[in-house]
Amino acid sequence: VSVINTVDTSHEDMIHDAQMDYYGTRLATCSSDRSVKIFDVRNGGQILIADLRGHEGPVWQVAWAHPMYGNILASCSYDRKVIIWKEENGTWEKTHEHTGHDSSVNSVCWAPHDYGLILACGSSDGAISLLTYTGEGQWEVKKINNAHTIGCNAVSWAPAVVPGNLIDQPPGQKPNYIKKFASGGCDNLIKLWKEEEDGQWKEEQKLEAHSDWVRDVAWAPSIGLPTSTIASCSQDGRVFIWTCDDASGSTWSPKLLHKFNDVVWHVSWSITANILAVSGGDNKVTLWKESVDGQWVCISDVNKGQGSVSTSATEGQQNEQ
């Protein structure tokens, strides 16, 4: 692994999130300086396209919507607000502001594009809100109160495929999507939520293994196999990989990927769901891959910008501690 590009964002404080758009041509960043910035990063360049001001506190996370809905970016902040930004005729404007939370909004995640424009937002007030675009600039809000006691830190949608559907999907039939997402909270729990037929959201599952706040959850993209996978990381320094092999989604088993010496802030899957990036309080990003025998090994260590691949891990013998 090597560093291919470094972007000088000119943020005046800590950067909390950086997300590439669908095509990998734009980078959105957000910071404690209250701003959201968008850069054109094509061909190794870094042209500032937009400097979005509207939040009144640190901005924790940004999320790009699918490009079939235009250029849309959501951001969430300590100021209790979620802002949805949209590019119209080359200029970025605030298109919607959600002020329905009583505390910091820590995470935003767009649902799979198959469902329309739906944004899940997790807050320190313990609630998760779901914003659905209904047309004509209107957003409908559903709220799951007390989703996590003391607060919700992360939300991540399940992919819009029925697990195993490549294997047994009847031809010419629209799949029967069941909307689900995962959340992680200050109650040390990961919870799985499912939309009922009446449109209400119901807690389907509690996943318990962490001994401190869950900082991030990431539902792996589906590659059509009958297994669902979720990665979680925590203040306790541990990263777990959760797998579920049954279609009902009722039995999840955790496997410890690694115990780090510091808080782990974020976990993120590659598009093909076979590599997991993990970033933690030691300022390192590590990349992990499941070996043939089901063990997770570290295949890289991007250390403060100096990328190197450990030979032992690439040969699959030993994971780096």
C-alpha atoms as a PDB file:
ATOM      1  CA  VAL A   1       0.000   0.000   0.000  1.00  0.00           C
ATOM      2  CA  SER A   2       1.370   3.387  -0.867  1.00  0.00           C
ATOM      3  CA  VAL A   3       0.069   6.895  -0.454  1.00  0.00           C
ATOM      4  CA  ILE A   4      -1.016   8.154  -3.873  1.00  0.00           C
ATOM      5  CA  ASN A   5      -2.277  11.576  -2.950  1.00  0.00           C
ATOM      6  CA  THR A   6      -2.164  14.011  -0.073  1.00  0.00           C
ATOM      7  CA  VAL A   7      -4.723  16.790   0.081  1.00  0.00           C
ATOM      8  CA  ASP A   8      -3.959  19.985   1.932  1.00  0.00           C
ATOM      9  CA  THR A   9      -7.470  20.933   3.020  1.00  0.00           C
ATOM     10  CA  SER A  10      -6.573  24.201   4.780  1.00  0.00           C
ATOM     11  CA  HIS A  11      -8.987  23.207   7.545  1.00  0.00           C
ATOM     12  CA  GLU A  12      -8.197  25.223  10.660  1.00  0.00           C
ATOM     13  CA  ASP A  13      -8.827  22.368  13.080  1.00  0.00           C
ATOM     14  CA  MET A  14      -9.030  18.586  13.282  1.00  0.00           C
ATOM     15  CA  ILE A  15     -10.573  16.764  10.296  1.00  0.00           C
ATOM     16  CA  HIS A  16     -13.165  14.213  11.446  1.00  0.00           C
ATOM     17  CA  ASP A  17     -14.211  12.619   8.175  1.00  0.00           C
ATOM     18  CA  ALA A  18     -13.187  12.407   4.520  1.00  0.00           C
ATOM     19  CA  GLN A  19     -15.354  10.686   1.901  1.00  0.00           C
ATOM     20  CA  MET A  20     -14.874  10.121  -1.816  1.00  0.00           C
ATOM     21  CA  ASP A  21     -17.917  10.411  -4.048  1.00  0.00           C
ATOM     22  CA  TYR A  22     -19.283   7.500  -6.090  1.00  0.00           C
ATOM     23  CA  TYR A  23     -16.904   8.115  -8.990  1.00  0.00           C
ATOM     24  CA  GLY A  24     -13.839   8.792  -6.879  1.00  0.00           C
ATOM     25  CA  THR A  25     -13.382  12.226  -8.439  1.00  0.00           C
ATOM     26  CA  ARG A  26     -14.407  14.376  -5.491  1.00  0.00           C
ATOM     27  CA  LEU A  27     -13.436  14.379  -1.855  1.00  0.00           C
ATOM     28  CA  ALA A  28     -15.607  15.847   0.911  1.00  0.00           C
ATOM     29  CA  THR A  29     -14.012  16.682   4.263  1.00  0.00           C
ATOM     30  CA  CYS A  30     -15.390  18.071   7.521  1.00  0.00           C
ATOM     31  CA  SER A  31     -13.740  19.533  10.557  1.00  0.00           C
ATOM     32  CA  SER A  32     -13.987  21.052  14.015  1.00  0.00           C
ATOM     33  CA  ASP A  33     -13.568  24.395  12.231  1.00  0.00           C
ATOM     34  CA  ARG A  34     -17.327  23.999  11.442  1.00  0.00           C
ATOM     35  CA  SER A  35     -16.828  23.782   7.695  1.00  0.00           C
ATOM     36  CA  VAL A  36     -17.427  21.150   5.038  1.00  0.00           C
ATOM     37  CA  LYS A  37     -15.132  21.274   2.000  1.00  0.00           C
ATOM     38  CA  ILE A  38     -15.371  19.593  -1.379  1.00  0.00           C
ATOM     39  CA  PHE A  39     -12.301  19.047  -3.557  1.00  0.00           C
ATOM     40  CA  ASP A  40     -11.879  17.909  -7.129  1.00  0.00           C
ATOM     41  CA  VAL A  41      -9.171  15.241  -6.789  1.00  0.00           C
ATOM     42  CA  ARG A  42      -9.023  13.992 -10.384  1.00  0.00           C
ATOM     43  CA  ASN A  43      -5.569  13.146 -11.779  1.00  0.00           C
ATOM     44  CA  GLY A  44      -3.936  13.650  -8.405  1.00  0.00           C
ATOM     45  CA  GLY A  45      -5.082  17.271  -8.269  1.00  0.00           C
ATOM     46  CA  GLN A  46      -6.808  19.040  -5.400  1.00  0.00           C
ATOM     47  CA  ILE A  47      -9.006  21.924  -6.444  1.00  0.00           C
ATOM     48  CA  LEU A  48     -11.306  23.369  -3.798  1.00  0.00           C
ATOM     49  CA  ILE A  49     -14.808  23.342  -5.308  1.00  0.00           C
ATOM     50  CA  ALA A  50     -16.842  24.410  -2.293  1.00  0.00           C
ATOM     51  CA  ASP A  51     -16.374  25.612   1.265  1.00  0.00           C
ATOM     52  CA  LEU A  52     -19.742  25.025   2.916  1.00  0.00           C
ATOM     53  CA  ARG A  53     -20.607  27.042   6.014  1.00  0.00           C
ATOM     54  CA  GLY A  54     -23.807  26.449   7.930  1.00  0.00           C
ATOM     55  CA  HIS A  55     -22.886  24.409  10.972  1.00  0.00           C
ATOM     56  CA  GLU A  56     -22.263  26.083  14.314  1.00  0.00           C
ATOM     57  CA  GLY A  57     -20.076  23.398  15.845  1.00  0.00           C
ATOM     58  CA  PRO A  58     -17.633  20.640  14.916  1.00  0.00           C
ATOM     59  CA  VAL A  59     -18.821  18.638  11.887  1.00  0.00           C
ATOM     60  CA  TRP A  60     -18.400  14.934  12.579  1.00  0.00           C
ATOM     61  CA  GLN A  61     -19.354  13.147   9.384  1.00  0.00           C
ATOM     62  CA  VAL A  62     -20.229  13.606   5.714  1.00  0.00           C
ATOM     63  CA  ALA A  63     -22.009  11.215   3.328  1.00  0.00           C
ATOM     64  CA  TRP A  64     -22.532  11.325  -0.433  1.00  0.00           C
ATOM     65  CA  ALA A  65     -25.878  10.299  -1.901  1.00  0.00           C
ATOM     66  CA  HIS A  66     -25.939   8.151  -5.037  1.00  0.00           C
ATOM     67  CA  PRO A  67     -25.326  10.263  -8.184  1.00  0.00           C
ATOM     68  CA  MET A  68     -28.635   9.190  -9.750  1.00  0.00           C
ATOM     69  CA  TYR A  69     -30.153  11.823  -7.412  1.00  0.00           C
ATOM     70  CA  GLY A  70     -27.680  14.520  -8.441  1.00  0.00           C
ATOM     71  CA  ASN A  71     -24.739  15.799  -6.426  1.00  0.00           C
ATOM     72  CA  ILE A  72     -25.963  15.627  -2.841  1.00  0.00           C
ATOM     73  CA  LEU A  73     -23.944  15.593   0.372  1.00  0.00           C
ATOM     74  CA  ALA A  74     -25.182  15.246   3.961  1.00  0.00           C
ATOM     75  CA  SER A  75     -23.284  16.492   7.011  1.00  0.00           C
ATOM     76  CA  CYS A  76     -23.917  16.213  10.749  1.00  0.00           C
ATOM     77  CA  SER A  77     -22.577  18.211  13.645  1.00  0.00           C
ATOM     78  CA  TYR A  78     -22.239  18.804  17.358  1.00  0.00           C
ATOM     79  CA  ASP A  79     -24.657  21.708  16.754  1.00  0.00           C
ATOM     80  CA  ARG A  80     -27.525  19.118  16.697  1.00  0.00           C
ATOM     81  CA  LYS A  81     -28.149  19.730  12.994  1.00  0.00           C
ATOM     82  CA  VAL A  82     -28.062  17.633   9.861  1.00  0.00           C
ATOM     83  CA  ILE A  83     -27.593  19.652   6.678  1.00  0.00           C
ATOM     84  CA  ILE A  84     -28.232  18.308   3.179  1.00  0.00           C
ATOM     85  CA  TRP A  85     -26.265  20.182   0.510  1.00  0.00           C
ATOM     86  CA  LYS A  86     -26.976  20.036  -3.209  1.00  0.00           C
ATOM     87  CA  GLU A  87     -25.115  21.247  -6.258  1.00  0.00           C
ATOM     88  CA  GLU A  88     -27.273  23.224  -8.670  1.00  0.00           C
ATOM     89  CA  ASN A  89     -25.689  24.675 -11.800  1.00  0.00           C
ATOM     90  CA  GLY A  90     -22.203  24.384 -10.396  1.00  0.00           C
ATOM     91  CA  THR A  91     -22.871  25.975  -7.007  1.00  0.00           C
ATOM     92  CA  TRP A  92     -23.421  24.133  -3.761  1.00  0.00           C
ATOM     93  CA  GLU A  93     -26.360  25.260  -1.630  1.00  0.00           C
ATOM     94  CA  LYS A  94     -28.036  24.100   1.539  1.00  0.00           C
ATOM     95  CA  THR A  95     -31.199  22.303   0.402  1.00  0.00           C
ATOM     96  CA  HIS A  96     -32.492  21.029   3.758  1.00  0.00           C
ATOM     97  CA  GLU A  97     -31.736  21.390   7.447  1.00  0.00           C
ATOM     98  CA  HIS A  98     -32.932  18.817   9.971  1.00  0.00           C
ATOM     99  CA  THR A  99     -33.105  20.148  13.516  1.00  0.00           C
ATOM    100  CA  GLY A 100     -35.003  17.302  15.187  1.00  0.00           C
ATOM    101  CA  HIS A 101     -32.283  16.167  17.589  1.00  0.00           C
ATOM    102  CA  ASP A 102     -31.621  17.456  21.096  1.00  0.00           C
ATOM    103  CA  SER A 103     -27.909  16.732  21.114  1.00  0.00           C
ATOM    104  CA  SER A 104     -24.902  16.192  18.854  1.00  0.00           C
ATOM    105  CA  VAL A 105     -25.624  14.267  15.626  1.00  0.00           C
ATOM    106  CA  ASN A 106     -22.703  11.883  15.249  1.00  0.00           C
ATOM    107  CA  SER A 107     -23.365   9.845  12.127  1.00  0.00           C
ATOM    108  CA  VAL A 108     -25.192  10.085   8.793  1.00  0.00           C
ATOM    109  CA  CYS A 109     -25.583   7.312   6.232  1.00  0.00           C
ATOM    110  CA  TRP A 110     -27.581   7.169   2.984  1.00  0.00           C
ATOM    111  CA  ALA A 111     -29.675   4.082   2.320  1.00  0.00           C
ATOM    112  CA  PRO A 112     -29.033   2.006  -0.807  1.00  0.00           C
ATOM    113  CA  HIS A 113     -30.235   4.056  -3.810  1.00  0.00           C
ATOM    114  CA  ASP A 114     -32.842   1.407  -4.666  1.00  0.00           C
ATOM    115  CA  TYR A 115     -35.018   2.726  -1.805  1.00  0.00           C
ATOM    116  CA  GLY A 116     -34.996   6.369  -2.886  1.00  0.00           C
ATOM    117  CA  LEU A 117     -33.283   9.129  -0.921  1.00  0.00           C
ATOM    118  CA  ILE A 118     -33.311   8.028   2.719  1.00  0.00           C
ATOM    119  CA  LEU A 119     -30.815   9.290   5.292  1.00  0.00           C
ATOM    120  CA  ALA A 120     -30.266   7.677   8.698  1.00  0.00           C
ATOM    121  CA  CYS A 121     -28.918   9.972  11.434  1.00  0.00           C
ATOM    122  CA  GLY A 122     -27.626   8.835  14.832  1.00  0.00           C
ATOM    123  CA  SER A 123     -27.450  11.245  17.752  1.00  0.00           C
ATOM    124  CA  SER A 124     -26.106  11.596  21.303  1.00  0.00           C
ATOM    125  CA  ASP A 125     -29.724  12.125  22.395  1.00  0.00           C
ATOM    126  CA  GLY A 126     -30.102   8.353  21.936  1.00  0.00           C
ATOM    127  CA  ALA A 127     -32.412   8.660  18.940  1.00  0.00           C
ATOM    128  CA  ILE A 128     -32.010   7.701  15.305  1.00  0.00           C
ATOM    129  CA  SER A 129     -33.953   9.685  12.729  1.00  0.00           C
ATOM    130  CA  LEU A 130     -34.729   8.647   9.164  1.00  0.00           C
ATOM    131  CA  LEU A 131     -35.238  11.390   6.595  1.00  0.00           C
ATOM    132  CA  THR A 132     -37.016  10.356   3.399  1.00  0.00           C
ATOM    133  CA  TYR A 133     -37.247  12.671   0.404  1.00  0.00           C
ATOM    134  CA  THR A 134     -40.863  12.819  -0.755  1.00  0.00           C
ATOM    135  CA  GLY A 135     -40.417  15.279  -3.647  1.00  0.00           C
ATOM    136  CA  GLU A 136     -40.892  19.043  -4.072  1.00  0.00           C
ATOM    137  CA  GLY A 137     -38.170  19.771  -1.515  1.00  0.00           C
ATOM    138  CA  GLN A 138     -40.055  17.938   1.258  1.00  0.00           C
ATOM    139  CA  TRP A 139     -38.504  15.472   3.696  1.00  0.00           C
ATOM    140  CA  GLU A 140     -40.517  13.107   5.864  1.00  0.00           C
ATOM    141  CA  VAL A 141     -39.051  12.292   9.296  1.00  0.00           C
ATOM    142  CA  LYS A 142     -39.359   9.076  11.270  1.00  0.00           C
ATOM    143  CA  LYS A 143     -37.667   8.837  14.628  1.00  0.00           C
ATOM    144  CA  ILE A 144     -36.582   5.854  16.691  1.00  0.00           C
ATOM    145  CA  ASN A 145     -36.416   7.234  20.226  1.00  0.00           C
ATOM    146  CA  ASN A 146     -34.152   5.610  22.840  1.00  0.00           C
ATOM    147  CA  ALA A 147     -32.401   3.531  20.187  1.00  0.00           C
ATOM    148  CA  HIS A 148     -29.287   3.580  22.398  1.00  0.00           C
ATOM    149  CA  THR A 149     -29.226   4.821  25.975  1.00  0.00           C
ATOM    150  CA  ILE A 150     -26.688   7.666  26.422  1.00  0.00           C
ATOM    151  CA  GLY A 151     -26.261   8.008  22.671  1.00  0.00           C
ATOM    152  CA  CYS A 152     -25.851   6.612  19.174  1.00  0.00           C
ATOM    153  CA  ASN A 153     -22.410   6.914  17.555  1.00  0.00           C
ATOM    154  CA  ALA A 154     -22.808   5.213  14.181  1.00  0.00           C
ATOM    155  CA  VAL A 155     -25.346   4.039  11.598  1.00  0.00           C
ATOM    156  CA  SER A 156     -24.774   1.801   8.554  1.00  0.00           C
ATOM    157  CA  TRP A 157     -27.301   0.383   6.070  1.00  0.00           C
ATOM    158  CA  ALA A 158     -27.524  -3.218   4.955  1.00  0.00           C
ATOM    159  CA  PRO A 159     -27.079  -3.649   1.200  1.00  0.00           C
ATOM    160  CA  ALA A 160     -30.276  -3.747  -0.871  1.00  0.00           C
ATOM    161  CA  VAL A 161     -30.049  -7.361  -1.783  1.00  0.00           C
ATOM    162  CA  VAL A 162     -31.712 -10.300  -0.231  1.00  0.00           C
ATOM    163  CA  PRO A 163     -28.720 -12.382   0.969  1.00  0.00           C
ATOM    164  CA  GLY A 164     -28.158 -15.293  -1.397  1.00  0.00           C
ATOM    165  CA  ASN A 165     -30.337 -13.773  -4.088  1.00  0.00           C
ATOM    166  CA  LEU A 166     -27.796 -14.494  -6.817  1.00  0.00           C
ATOM    167  CA  ILE A 167     -28.361 -18.113  -6.012  1.00  0.00           C
ATOM    168  CA  ASP A 168     -32.146 -18.407  -5.712  1.00  0.00           C
ATOM    169  CA  GLN A 169     -33.754 -15.234  -7.069  1.00  0.00           C
ATOM    170  CA  PRO A 170     -36.640 -16.111  -9.429  1.00  0.00           C
ATOM    171  CA  PRO A 171     -36.050 -14.523 -12.848  1.00  0.00           C
ATOM    172  CA  GLY A 172     -37.950 -11.401 -13.841  1.00  0.00           C
ATOM    173  CA  GLN A 173     -39.214 -10.755 -10.333  1.00  0.00           C
ATOM    174  CA  LYS A 174     -38.526  -7.553  -8.432  1.00  0.00           C
ATOM    175  CA  PRO A 175     -36.688  -8.500  -5.262  1.00  0.00           C
ATOM    176  CA  ASN A 176     -38.636  -8.109  -2.051  1.00  0.00           C
ATOM    177  CA  TYR A 177     -36.378  -5.595  -0.355  1.00  0.00           C
ATOM    178  CA  ILE A 178     -36.355  -5.593   3.405  1.00  0.00           C
ATOM    179  CA  LYS A 179     -34.837  -2.366   4.687  1.00  0.00           C
ATOM    180  CA  LYS A 180     -32.341  -2.874   7.503  1.00  0.00           C
ATOM    181  CA  PHE A 181     -29.550  -0.927   9.117  1.00  0.00           C
ATOM    182  CA  ALA A 182     -27.115  -1.338  11.990  1.00  0.00           C
ATOM    183  CA  SER A 183     -26.334   1.158  14.738  1.00  0.00           C
ATOM    184  CA  GLY A 184     -23.674   1.358  17.433  1.00  0.00           C
ATOM    185  CA  GLY A 185     -23.928   3.181  20.731  1.00  0.00           C
ATOM    186  CA  CYS A 186     -22.667   4.243  24.129  1.00  0.00           C
ATOM    187  CA  ASP A 187     -24.487   1.256  25.662  1.00  0.00           C
ATOM    188  CA  ASN A 188     -21.678  -0.938  24.174  1.00  0.00           C
ATOM    189  CA  LEU A 189     -24.265  -2.499  21.844  1.00  0.00           C
ATOM    190  CA  ILE A 190     -24.744  -2.920  18.133  1.00  0.00           C
ATOM    191  CA  LYS A 191     -28.414  -3.020  17.199  1.00  0.00           C
ATOM    192  CA  LEU A 192     -30.014  -4.151  13.960  1.00  0.00           C
ATOM    193  CA  TRP A 193     -33.183  -2.400  12.830  1.00  0.00           C
ATOM    194  CA  LYS A 194     -35.772  -3.582  10.341  1.00  0.00           C
ATOM    195  CA  GLU A 195     -38.646  -1.754   8.703  1.00  0.00           C
ATOM    196  CA  GLU A 196     -41.960  -3.487   9.343  1.00  0.00           C
ATOM    197  CA  GLU A 197     -44.722  -3.691   6.732  1.00  0.00           C
ATOM    198  CA  ASP A 198     -46.532  -0.771   8.393  1.00  0.00           C
ATOM    199  CA  GLY A 199     -43.450   1.416   7.859  1.00  0.00           C
ATOM    200  CA  GLN A 200     -42.414   1.426  11.516  1.00  0.00           C
ATOM    201  CA  TRP A 201     -38.860   0.548  12.528  1.00  0.00           C
ATOM    202  CA  LYS A 202     -38.319  -2.302  14.943  1.00  0.00           C
ATOM    203  CA  GLU A 203     -35.235  -3.517  16.783  1.00  0.00           C
ATOM    204  CA  GLU A 204     -34.468  -6.910  15.316  1.00  0.00           C
ATOM    205  CA  GLN A 205     -31.261  -7.863  17.076  1.00  0.00           C
ATOM    206  CA  LYS A 206     -28.788  -6.832  19.783  1.00  0.00           C
ATOM    207  CA  LEU A 207     -25.166  -7.796  19.210  1.00  0.00           C
ATOM    208  CA  GLU A 208     -23.100  -7.891  22.400  1.00  0.00           C
ATOM    209  CA  ALA A 209     -19.334  -8.322  22.559  1.00  0.00           C
ATOM    210  CA  HIS A 210     -17.785  -4.900  23.170  1.00  0.00           C
ATOM    211  CA  SER A 211     -16.954  -3.752  26.689  1.00  0.00           C
ATOM    212  CA  ASP A 212     -17.025  -0.007  25.956  1.00  0.00           C
ATOM    213  CA  TRP A 213     -18.693   2.480  23.599  1.00  0.00           C
ATOM    214  CA  VAL A 214     -19.163   1.214  20.046  1.00  0.00           C
ATOM    215  CA  ARG A 215     -17.574   3.880  17.849  1.00  0.00           C
ATOM    216  CA  ASP A 216     -18.409   2.608  14.364  1.00  0.00           C
ATOM    217  CA  VAL A 217     -20.328  -0.106  12.543  1.00  0.00           C
ATOM    218  CA  ALA A 218     -20.014  -0.980   8.855  1.00  0.00           C
ATOM    219  CA  TRP A 219     -22.338  -3.388   7.081  1.00  0.00           C
ATOM    220  CA  ALA A 220     -20.339  -5.031   4.297  1.00  0.00           C
ATOM    221  CA  PRO A 221     -21.463  -4.665   0.671  1.00  0.00           C
ATOM    222  CA  SER A 222     -23.116  -7.805  -0.665  1.00  0.00           C
ATOM    223  CA  ILE A 223     -21.488  -9.851  -3.365  1.00  0.00           C
ATOM    224  CA  GLY A 224     -24.565 -12.058  -3.714  1.00  0.00           C
ATOM    225  CA  LEU A 225     -23.509 -14.773  -1.277  1.00  0.00           C
ATOM    226  CA  PRO A 226     -25.883 -15.936   1.441  1.00  0.00           C
ATOM    227  CA  THR A 227     -23.782 -14.460   4.260  1.00  0.00           C
ATOM    228  CA  SER A 228     -24.244 -11.036   5.853  1.00  0.00           C
ATOM    229  CA  THR A 229     -21.215  -9.381   7.451  1.00  0.00           C
ATOM    230  CA  ILE A 230     -20.854  -6.410   9.803  1.00  0.00           C
ATOM    231  CA  ALA A 231     -17.647  -4.905  11.199  1.00  0.00           C
ATOM    232  CA  SER A 232     -17.665  -3.037  14.511  1.00  0.00           C
ATOM    233  CA  CYS A 233     -15.056  -1.145  16.490  1.00  0.00           C
ATOM    234  CA  SER A 234     -15.000   0.335  19.943  1.00  0.00           C
ATOM    235  CA  GLN A 235     -13.440   2.442  22.632  1.00  0.00           C
ATOM    236  CA  ASP A 236     -12.282  -0.917  24.035  1.00  0.00           C
ATOM    237  CA  GLY A 237      -9.702  -1.206  21.219  1.00  0.00           C
ATOM    238  CA  ARG A 238     -11.336  -4.247  19.671  1.00  0.00           C
ATOM    239  CA  VAL A 239     -12.631  -4.841  16.161  1.00  0.00           C
ATOM    240  CA  PHE A 240     -15.172  -7.622  15.625  1.00  0.00           C
ATOM    241  CA  ILE A 241     -16.391  -9.179  12.406  1.00  0.00           C
ATOM    242  CA  TRP A 242     -19.984 -10.388  12.771  1.00  0.00           C
ATOM    243  CA  THR A 243     -21.391 -12.926  10.337  1.00  0.00           C
ATOM    244  CA  CYS A 244     -24.865 -14.315   9.804  1.00  0.00           C
ATOM    245  CA  ASP A 245     -25.421 -17.295   7.529  1.00  0.00           C
ATOM    246  CA  ASP A 246     -29.133 -17.840   7.909  1.00  0.00           C
ATOM    247  CA  ALA A 247     -31.693 -16.000   5.792  1.00  0.00           C
ATOM    248  CA  SER A 248     -33.831 -15.106   8.811  1.00  0.00           C
ATOM    249  CA  GLY A 249     -30.968 -12.964  10.115  1.00  0.00           C
ATOM    250  CA  SER A 250     -31.371 -14.250  13.648  1.00  0.00           C
ATOM    251  CA  THR A 251     -27.984 -15.773  14.463  1.00  0.00           C
ATOM    252  CA  TRP A 252     -24.904 -13.562  14.356  1.00  0.00           C
ATOM    253  CA  SER A 253     -21.515 -14.753  15.522  1.00  0.00           C
ATOM    254  CA  PRO A 254     -18.605 -12.421  16.370  1.00  0.00           C
ATOM    255  CA  LYS A 255     -14.974 -13.054  15.517  1.00  0.00           C
ATOM    256  CA  LEU A 256     -12.268 -10.868  17.027  1.00  0.00           C
ATOM    257  CA  LEU A 257     -10.250  -9.327  14.205  1.00  0.00           C
ATOM    258  CA  HIS A 258      -7.697  -7.685  16.499  1.00  0.00           C
ATOM    259  CA  LYS A 259      -7.277  -5.985  19.863  1.00  0.00           C
ATOM    260  CA  PHE A 260      -5.530  -2.641  19.422  1.00  0.00           C
ATOM    261  CA  ASN A 261      -3.847  -0.677  22.201  1.00  0.00           C
ATOM    262  CA  ASP A 262      -6.018   2.387  21.698  1.00  0.00           C
ATOM    263  CA  VAL A 263      -9.554   3.413  20.772  1.00  0.00           C
ATOM    264  CA  VAL A 264     -10.614   2.382  17.260  1.00  0.00           C
ATOM    265  CA  TRP A 265     -12.619   5.156  15.598  1.00  0.00           C
ATOM    266  CA  HIS A 266     -13.621   3.831  12.197  1.00  0.00           C
ATOM    267  CA  VAL A 267     -14.053   0.699  10.110  1.00  0.00           C
ATOM    268  CA  SER A 268     -14.666   0.780   6.358  1.00  0.00           C
ATOM    269  CA  TRP A 269     -15.113  -1.966   3.735  1.00  0.00           C
ATOM    270  CA  SER A 270     -13.725  -2.032   0.221  1.00  0.00           C
ATOM    271  CA  ILE A 271     -16.399  -2.201  -2.499  1.00  0.00           C
ATOM    272  CA  THR A 272     -15.869  -5.925  -2.970  1.00  0.00           C
ATOM    273  CA  ALA A 273     -16.184  -6.416   0.810  1.00  0.00           C
ATOM    274  CA  ASN A 274     -12.982  -8.416   1.094  1.00  0.00           C
ATOM    275  CA  ILE A 275     -10.733  -5.785   2.647  1.00  0.00           C
ATOM    276  CA  LEU A 276     -11.469  -3.863   5.836  1.00  0.00           C
ATOM    277  CA  ALA A 277      -9.742  -0.570   6.648  1.00  0.00           C
ATOM    278  CA  VAL A 278      -9.390   0.208  10.347  1.00  0.00           C
ATOM    279  CA  SER A 279      -8.341   3.565  11.775  1.00  0.00           C
ATOM    280  CA  GLY A 280      -7.570   4.205  15.402  1.00  0.00           C
ATOM    281  CA  GLY A 281      -6.271   6.492  18.095  1.00  0.00           C
ATOM    282  CA  ASP A 282      -2.665   5.590  17.251  1.00  0.00           C
ATOM    283  CA  ASN A 283      -3.065   7.614  14.023  1.00  0.00           C
ATOM    284  CA  LYS A 284      -2.606   4.494  11.929  1.00  0.00           C
ATOM    285  CA  VAL A 285      -4.752   2.936   9.229  1.00  0.00           C
ATOM    286  CA  THR A 286      -4.411  -0.814   8.806  1.00  0.00           C
ATOM    287  CA  LEU A 287      -5.903  -3.005   6.061  1.00  0.00           C
ATOM    288  CA  TRP A 288      -7.168  -6.485   6.869  1.00  0.00           C
ATOM    289  CA  LYS A 289      -8.156  -9.443   4.736  1.00  0.00           C
ATOM    290  CA  GLU A 290      -9.675 -12.805   5.576  1.00  0.00           C
ATOM    291  CA  SER A 291      -7.338 -15.668   4.721  1.00  0.00           C
ATOM    292  CA  VAL A 292      -8.433 -19.016   3.307  1.00  0.00           C
ATOM    293  CA  ASP A 293      -8.603 -20.562   6.782  1.00  0.00           C
ATOM    294  CA  GLY A 294     -10.936 -17.829   8.048  1.00  0.00           C
ATOM    295  CA  GLN A 295      -8.302 -15.866   9.988  1.00  0.00           C
ATOM    296  CA  TRP A 296      -8.073 -12.101   9.520  1.00  0.00           C
ATOM    297  CA  VAL A 297      -4.556 -10.943   8.682  1.00  0.00           C
ATOM    298  CA  CYS A 298      -3.101  -7.474   8.373  1.00  0.00           C
ATOM    299  CA  ILE A 299      -1.977  -6.932   4.798  1.00  0.00           C
ATOM    300  CA  SER A 300      -0.689  -3.410   5.263  1.00  0.00           C
ATOM    301  CA  ASP A 301       0.144  -0.693   7.667  1.00  0.00           C
ATOM    302  CA  VAL A 302      -0.296   2.833   6.392  1.00  0.00           C
ATOM    303  CA  ASN A 303       1.688   4.593   9.070  1.00  0.00           C
ATOM    304  CA  LYS A 304       1.211   8.370   9.163  1.00  0.00           C
ATOM    305  CA  GLY A 305       1.464   8.570   5.404  1.00  0.00           C
ATOM    306  CA  GLN A 306       4.379   6.166   4.984  1.00  0.00           C
ATOM    307  CA  GLY A 307       2.789   3.158   3.311  1.00  0.00           C
ATOM    308  CA  SER A 308       4.423  -0.241   3.616  1.00  0.00           C
ATOM    309  CA  VAL A 309       3.228  -3.798   3.230  1.00  0.00           C
ATOM    310  CA  SER A 310       4.597  -6.277   5.725  1.00  0.00           C
ATOM    311  CA  THR A 311       6.064  -9.246   3.898  1.00  0.00           C
ATOM    312  CA  SER A 312       4.979 -11.696   6.569  1.00  0.00           C
ATOM    313  CA  ALA A 313       1.338 -10.690   6.200  1.00  0.00           C
ATOM    314  CA  THR A 314       1.322 -10.799   2.419  1.00  0.00           C
ATOM    315  CA  GLU A 315       2.583 -14.346   2.636  1.00  0.00           C
ATOM    316  CA  GLY A 316      -0.374 -14.923   4.934  1.00  0.00           C
ATOM    317  CA  GLN A 317       1.616 -16.381   7.818  1.00  0.00           C
ATOM    318  CA  GLN A 318       1.430 -13.786  10.514  1.00  0.00           C
ATOM    319  CA  ASN A 319      -0.643 -10.710  11.260  1.00  0.00           C
ATOM    320  CA  GLU A 320       1.283  -7.706  12.449  1.00  0.00           C
ATOM    321  CA  GLN A 321       0.606  -6.774  16.049  1.00  0.00           C
END
